[in-house]
Amino acid sequence: IVEGDAGEPLIRRTDDTARLLEACF
């Protein structure tokens, strides 16, 4: 499971979803 850091921005704009996808890949 990929987990974001609580309290930290990860997806600031919808285009940033790629960051989460990259982490999952």
PDB file of all heavy atoms in Angstrom:
ATOM      1  N   ILE A   1       0.852  -1.186   0.000  1.00  0.00           N
ATOM      2  CA  ILE A   1       0.000   0.000   0.000  1.00  0.00           C
ATOM      3  C   ILE A   1       0.893   1.243   0.000  1.00  0.00           C
ATOM      4  O   ILE A   1       1.859   1.313   0.758  1.00  0.00           O
ATOM      5  CB  ILE A   1      -0.914   0.012   1.244  1.00  0.00           C
ATOM      6  CG1 ILE A   1      -1.790  -1.243   1.271  1.00  0.00           C
ATOM      7  CG2 ILE A   1      -1.758   1.288   1.290  1.00  0.00           C
ATOM      8  CD1 ILE A   1      -2.511  -1.490   2.587  1.00  0.00           C
ATOM      9  N   VAL A   2       0.568   2.200  -0.844  1.00  0.00           N
ATOM     10  CA  VAL A   2       1.264   3.482  -0.859  1.00  0.00           C
ATOM     11  C   VAL A   2       0.481   4.424   0.053  1.00  0.00           C
ATOM     12  O   VAL A   2      -0.736   4.544  -0.066  1.00  0.00           O
ATOM     13  CB  VAL A   2       1.349   4.042  -2.296  1.00  0.00           C
ATOM     14  CG1 VAL A   2       1.865   5.460  -2.289  1.00  0.00           C
ATOM     15  CG2 VAL A   2       2.222   3.145  -3.154  1.00  0.00           C
ATOM     16  N   GLU A   3       1.198   5.080   0.976  1.00  0.00           N
ATOM     17  CA  GLU A   3       0.545   5.957   1.942  1.00  0.00           C
ATOM     18  C   GLU A   3       1.163   7.344   1.902  1.00  0.00           C
ATOM     19  O   GLU A   3       2.385   7.497   1.979  1.00  0.00           O
ATOM     20  CB  GLU A   3       0.691   5.380   3.352  1.00  0.00           C
ATOM     21  CG  GLU A   3       0.031   6.222   4.415  1.00  0.00           C
ATOM     22  CD  GLU A   3       0.122   5.608   5.799  1.00  0.00           C
ATOM     23  OE1 GLU A   3       0.820   4.597   5.991  1.00  0.00           O
ATOM     24  OE2 GLU A   3      -0.516   6.170   6.705  1.00  0.00           O
ATOM     25  N   GLY A   4       0.331   8.349   1.776  1.00  0.00           N
ATOM     26  CA  GLY A   4       0.797   9.733   1.826  1.00  0.00           C
ATOM     27  C   GLY A   4       1.201  10.107   3.233  1.00  0.00           C
ATOM     28  O   GLY A   4       0.709   9.531   4.202  1.00  0.00           O
ATOM     29  N   ASP A   5       2.117  11.046   3.350  1.00  0.00           N
ATOM     30  CA  ASP A   5       2.518  11.550   4.664  1.00  0.00           C
ATOM     31  C   ASP A   5       1.395  12.418   5.215  1.00  0.00           C
ATOM     32  O   ASP A   5       1.022  13.412   4.587  1.00  0.00           O
ATOM     33  CB  ASP A   5       3.788  12.389   4.571  1.00  0.00           C
ATOM     34  CG  ASP A   5       5.029  11.558   4.313  1.00  0.00           C
ATOM     35  OD1 ASP A   5       4.996  10.345   4.577  1.00  0.00           O
ATOM     36  OD2 ASP A   5       6.030  12.124   3.845  1.00  0.00           O
ATOM     37  N   ALA A   6       0.860  12.046   6.365  1.00  0.00           N
ATOM     38  CA  ALA A   6      -0.205  12.836   6.985  1.00  0.00           C
ATOM     39  C   ALA A   6       0.297  14.254   7.222  1.00  0.00           C
ATOM     40  O   ALA A   6       1.402  14.462   7.702  1.00  0.00           O
ATOM     41  CB  ALA A   6      -0.638  12.195   8.301  1.00  0.00           C
ATOM     42  N   GLY A   7      -0.503  15.227   6.832  1.00  0.00           N
ATOM     43  CA  GLY A   7      -0.159  16.624   7.035  1.00  0.00           C
ATOM     44  C   GLY A   7       0.647  17.254   5.916  1.00  0.00           C
ATOM     45  O   GLY A   7       0.902  18.445   5.950  1.00  0.00           O
ATOM     46  N   GLU A   8       1.054  16.465   4.915  1.00  0.00           N
ATOM     47  CA  GLU A   8       1.877  16.979   3.820  1.00  0.00           C
ATOM     48  C   GLU A   8       1.092  17.009   2.508  1.00  0.00           C
ATOM     49  O   GLU A   8       0.413  16.045   2.174  1.00  0.00           O
ATOM     50  CB  GLU A   8       3.116  16.103   3.619  1.00  0.00           C
ATOM     51  CG  GLU A   8       4.065  16.120   4.789  1.00  0.00           C
ATOM     52  CD  GLU A   8       4.681  17.477   5.022  1.00  0.00           C
ATOM     53  OE1 GLU A   8       5.012  18.168   4.029  1.00  0.00           O
ATOM     54  OE2 GLU A   8       4.828  17.862   6.196  1.00  0.00           O
ATOM     55  N   PRO A   9       1.207  18.094   1.735  1.00  0.00           N
ATOM     56  CA  PRO A   9       0.537  18.128   0.432  1.00  0.00           C
ATOM     57  C   PRO A   9       1.174  17.127  -0.528  1.00  0.00           C
ATOM     58  O   PRO A   9       2.389  16.956  -0.531  1.00  0.00           O
ATOM     59  CB  PRO A   9       0.750  19.557  -0.060  1.00  0.00           C
ATOM     60  CG  PRO A   9       1.579  20.246   0.946  1.00  0.00           C
ATOM     61  CD  PRO A   9       1.893  19.319   2.057  1.00  0.00           C
ATOM     62  N   LEU A  10       0.364  16.469  -1.301  1.00  0.00           N
ATOM     63  CA  LEU A  10       0.847  15.538  -2.320  1.00  0.00           C
ATOM     64  C   LEU A  10       0.211  15.881  -3.661  1.00  0.00           C
ATOM     65  O   LEU A  10       0.900  16.041  -4.657  1.00  0.00           O
ATOM     66  CB  LEU A  10       0.521  14.091  -1.923  1.00  0.00           C
ATOM     67  CG  LEU A  10       0.924  13.015  -2.915  1.00  0.00           C
ATOM     68  CD1 LEU A  10       2.440  12.953  -3.084  1.00  0.00           C
ATOM     69  CD2 LEU A  10       0.393  11.659  -2.448  1.00  0.00           C
ATOM     70  N   ILE A  11      -1.120  16.022  -3.658  1.00  0.00           N
ATOM     71  CA  ILE A  11      -1.853  16.367  -4.871  1.00  0.00           C
ATOM     72  C   ILE A  11      -2.419  17.777  -4.669  1.00  0.00           C
ATOM     73  O   ILE A  11      -3.501  17.941  -4.132  1.00  0.00           O
ATOM     74  CB  ILE A  11      -2.982  15.340  -5.148  1.00  0.00           C
ATOM     75  CG1 ILE A  11      -2.403  13.942  -5.268  1.00  0.00           C
ATOM     76  CG2 ILE A  11      -3.756  15.733  -6.406  1.00  0.00           C
ATOM     77  CD1 ILE A  11      -3.459  12.833  -5.374  1.00  0.00           C
ATOM     78  N   ARG A  12      -1.656  18.774  -5.081  1.00  0.00           N
ATOM     79  CA  ARG A  12      -2.095  20.167  -4.922  1.00  0.00           C
ATOM     80  C   ARG A  12      -3.035  20.585  -6.043  1.00  0.00           C
ATOM     81  O   ARG A  12      -3.908  21.407  -5.856  1.00  0.00           O
ATOM     82  CB  ARG A  12      -0.904  21.105  -4.895  1.00  0.00           C
ATOM     83  CG  ARG A  12      -0.039  20.914  -3.687  1.00  0.00           C
ATOM     84  CD  ARG A  12       1.172  21.781  -3.725  1.00  0.00           C
ATOM     85  NE  ARG A  12       2.091  21.383  -2.672  1.00  0.00           N
ATOM     86  CZ  ARG A  12       2.870  22.219  -2.048  1.00  0.00           C
ATOM     87  NH1 ARG A  12       2.870  23.494  -2.360  1.00  0.00           N
ATOM     88  NH2 ARG A  12       3.677  21.795  -1.111  1.00  0.00           N
ATOM     89  N   ARG A  13      -2.792  20.035  -7.236  1.00  0.00           N
ATOM     90  CA  ARG A  13      -3.647  20.253  -8.417  1.00  0.00           C
ATOM     91  C   ARG A  13      -4.001  18.872  -8.947  1.00  0.00           C
ATOM     92  O   ARG A  13      -3.274  17.911  -8.705  1.00  0.00           O
ATOM     93  CB  ARG A  13      -2.884  21.020  -9.506  1.00  0.00           C
ATOM     94  CG  ARG A  13      -2.346  22.349  -9.092  1.00  0.00           C
ATOM     95  CD  ARG A  13      -1.404  22.939 -10.150  1.00  0.00           C
ATOM     96  NE  ARG A  13      -0.358  21.961 -10.462  1.00  0.00           N
ATOM     97  CZ  ARG A  13       0.069  21.661 -11.694  1.00  0.00           C
ATOM     98  NH1 ARG A  13      -0.425  22.265 -12.734  1.00  0.00           N
ATOM     99  NH2 ARG A  13       1.012  20.766 -11.894  1.00  0.00           N
ATOM    100  N   THR A  14      -5.062  18.760  -9.676  1.00  0.00           N
ATOM    101  CA  THR A  14      -5.473  17.434 -10.165  1.00  0.00           C
ATOM    102  C   THR A  14      -4.387  16.789 -11.020  1.00  0.00           C
ATOM    103  O   THR A  14      -4.246  15.567 -11.011  1.00  0.00           O
ATOM    104  CB  THR A  14      -6.800  17.511 -10.951  1.00  0.00           C
ATOM    105  OG1 THR A  14      -6.653  18.429 -12.035  1.00  0.00           O
ATOM    106  CG2 THR A  14      -7.938  17.942 -10.044  1.00  0.00           C
ATOM    107  N   ASP A  15      -3.572  17.593 -11.724  1.00  0.00           N
ATOM    108  CA  ASP A  15      -2.479  17.037 -12.527  1.00  0.00           C
ATOM    109  C   ASP A  15      -1.420  16.350 -11.668  1.00  0.00           C
ATOM    110  O   ASP A  15      -0.666  15.513 -12.167  1.00  0.00           O
ATOM    111  CB  ASP A  15      -1.817  18.128 -13.370  1.00  0.00           C
ATOM    112  CG  ASP A  15      -2.707  18.620 -14.494  1.00  0.00           C
ATOM    113  OD1 ASP A  15      -3.695  17.931 -14.828  1.00  0.00           O
ATOM    114  OD2 ASP A  15      -2.427  19.703 -15.032  1.00  0.00           O
ATOM    115  N   ASP A  16      -1.358  16.697 -10.400  1.00  0.00           N
ATOM    116  CA  ASP A  16      -0.388  16.083  -9.496  1.00  0.00           C
ATOM    117  C   ASP A  16      -0.736  14.635  -9.153  1.00  0.00           C
ATOM    118  O   ASP A  16       0.050  13.960  -8.479  1.00  0.00           O
ATOM    119  CB  ASP A  16      -0.276  16.886  -8.197  1.00  0.00           C
ATOM    120  CG  ASP A  16       0.329  18.258  -8.391  1.00  0.00           C
ATOM    121  OD1 ASP A  16       1.021  18.466  -9.414  1.00  0.00           O
ATOM    122  OD2 ASP A  16       0.109  19.122  -7.521  1.00  0.00           O
ATOM    123  N   THR A  17      -1.869  14.163  -9.607  1.00  0.00           N
ATOM    124  CA  THR A  17      -2.240  12.766  -9.373  1.00  0.00           C
ATOM    125  C   THR A  17      -1.167  11.838  -9.936  1.00  0.00           C
ATOM    126  O   THR A  17      -0.973  10.733  -9.429  1.00  0.00           O
ATOM    127  CB  THR A  17      -3.616  12.459 -10.012  1.00  0.00           C
ATOM    128  OG1 THR A  17      -4.563  13.409  -9.522  1.00  0.00           O
ATOM    129  CG2 THR A  17      -4.098  11.062  -9.659  1.00  0.00           C
ATOM    130  N   ALA A  18      -0.446  12.306 -10.934  1.00  0.00           N
ATOM    131  CA  ALA A  18       0.649  11.514 -11.513  1.00  0.00           C
ATOM    132  C   ALA A  18       1.689  11.148 -10.459  1.00  0.00           C
ATOM    133  O   ALA A  18       2.291  10.073 -10.538  1.00  0.00           O
ATOM    134  CB  ALA A  18       1.295  12.281 -12.662  1.00  0.00           C
ATOM    135  N   ARG A  19       1.901  11.997  -9.463  1.00  0.00           N
ATOM    136  CA  ARG A  19       2.851  11.685  -8.389  1.00  0.00           C
ATOM    137  C   ARG A  19       2.416  10.438  -7.625  1.00  0.00           C
ATOM    138  O   ARG A  19       3.240   9.577  -7.300  1.00  0.00           O
ATOM    139  CB  ARG A  19       2.981  12.856  -7.429  1.00  0.00           C
ATOM    140  CG  ARG A  19       3.597  14.091  -8.064  1.00  0.00           C
ATOM    141  CD  ARG A  19       3.688  15.241  -7.093  1.00  0.00           C
ATOM    142  NE  ARG A  19       4.687  14.924  -6.064  1.00  0.00           N
ATOM    143  CZ  ARG A  19       4.734  15.531  -4.901  1.00  0.00           C
ATOM    144  NH1 ARG A  19       3.865  16.477  -4.591  1.00  0.00           N
ATOM    145  NH2 ARG A  19       5.668  15.218  -4.017  1.00  0.00           N
ATOM    146  N   LEU A  20       1.122  10.348  -7.339  1.00  0.00           N
ATOM    147  CA  LEU A  20       0.608   9.176  -6.636  1.00  0.00           C
ATOM    148  C   LEU A  20       0.688   7.948  -7.531  1.00  0.00           C
ATOM    149  O   LEU A  20       1.079   6.874  -7.085  1.00  0.00           O
ATOM    150  CB  LEU A  20      -0.825   9.415  -6.166  1.00  0.00           C
ATOM    151  CG  LEU A  20      -1.489   8.250  -5.431  1.00  0.00           C
ATOM    152  CD1 LEU A  20      -0.691   7.868  -4.188  1.00  0.00           C
ATOM    153  CD2 LEU A  20      -2.925   8.598  -5.074  1.00  0.00           C
ATOM    154  N   LEU A  21       0.330   8.109  -8.791  1.00  0.00           N
ATOM    155  CA  LEU A  21       0.420   6.984  -9.728  1.00  0.00           C
ATOM    156  C   LEU A  21       1.857   6.477  -9.842  1.00  0.00           C
ATOM    157  O   LEU A  21       2.098   5.261  -9.829  1.00  0.00           O
ATOM    158  CB  LEU A  21      -0.112   7.382 -11.101  1.00  0.00           C
ATOM    159  CG  LEU A  21      -1.621   7.562 -11.194  1.00  0.00           C
ATOM    160  CD1 LEU A  21      -2.001   8.181 -12.529  1.00  0.00           C
ATOM    161  CD2 LEU A  21      -2.339   6.229 -10.986  1.00  0.00           C
ATOM    162  N   GLU A  22       2.822   7.382  -9.953  1.00  0.00           N
ATOM    163  CA  GLU A  22       4.223   6.991 -10.035  1.00  0.00           C
ATOM    164  C   GLU A  22       4.653   6.207  -8.801  1.00  0.00           C
ATOM    165  O   GLU A  22       5.374   5.214  -8.905  1.00  0.00           O
ATOM    166  CB  GLU A  22       5.116   8.220 -10.220  1.00  0.00           C
ATOM    167  CG  GLU A  22       4.983   8.854 -11.580  1.00  0.00           C
ATOM    168  CD  GLU A  22       5.666  10.218 -11.669  1.00  0.00           C
ATOM    169  OE1 GLU A  22       6.372  10.622 -10.710  1.00  0.00           O
ATOM    170  OE2 GLU A  22       5.482  10.883 -12.701  1.00  0.00           O
ATOM    171  N   ALA A  23       4.203   6.661  -7.634  1.00  0.00           N
ATOM    172  CA  ALA A  23       4.537   5.954  -6.397  1.00  0.00           C
ATOM    173  C   ALA A  23       3.935   4.552  -6.394  1.00  0.00           C
ATOM    174  O   ALA A  23       4.583   3.588  -5.986  1.00  0.00           O
ATOM    175  CB  ALA A  23       4.052   6.753  -5.189  1.00  0.00           C
ATOM    176  N   CYS A  24       2.699   4.432  -6.878  1.00  0.00           N
ATOM    177  CA  CYS A  24       2.049   3.124  -6.948  1.00  0.00           C
ATOM    178  C   CYS A  24       2.769   2.209  -7.937  1.00  0.00           C
ATOM    179  O   CYS A  24       3.014   1.036  -7.650  1.00  0.00           O
ATOM    180  CB  CYS A  24       0.575   3.271  -7.329  1.00  0.00           C
ATOM    181  SG  CYS A  24      -0.450   3.964  -6.013  1.00  0.00           S
ATOM    182  N   PHE A  25       3.121   2.744  -9.106  1.00  0.00           N
ATOM    183  CA  PHE A  25       3.841   1.942 -10.099  1.00  0.00           C
ATOM    184  C   PHE A  25       5.177   1.479  -9.536  1.00  0.00           C
ATOM    185  O   PHE A  25       5.563   0.318  -9.684  1.00  0.00           O
ATOM    186  CB  PHE A  25       4.096   2.732 -11.380  1.00  0.00           C
ATOM    187  CG  PHE A  25       2.850   3.160 -12.111  1.00  0.00           C
ATOM    188  CD1 PHE A  25       2.875   4.271 -12.934  1.00  0.00           C
ATOM    189  CD2 PHE A  25       1.650   2.484 -11.977  1.00  0.00           C
ATOM    190  CE1 PHE A  25       1.741   4.690 -13.618  1.00  0.00           C
ATOM    191  CE2 PHE A  25       0.508   2.886 -12.640  1.00  0.00           C
ATOM    192  CZ  PHE A  25       0.559   3.993 -13.464  1.00  0.00           C
TER     193      PHE A  25
END
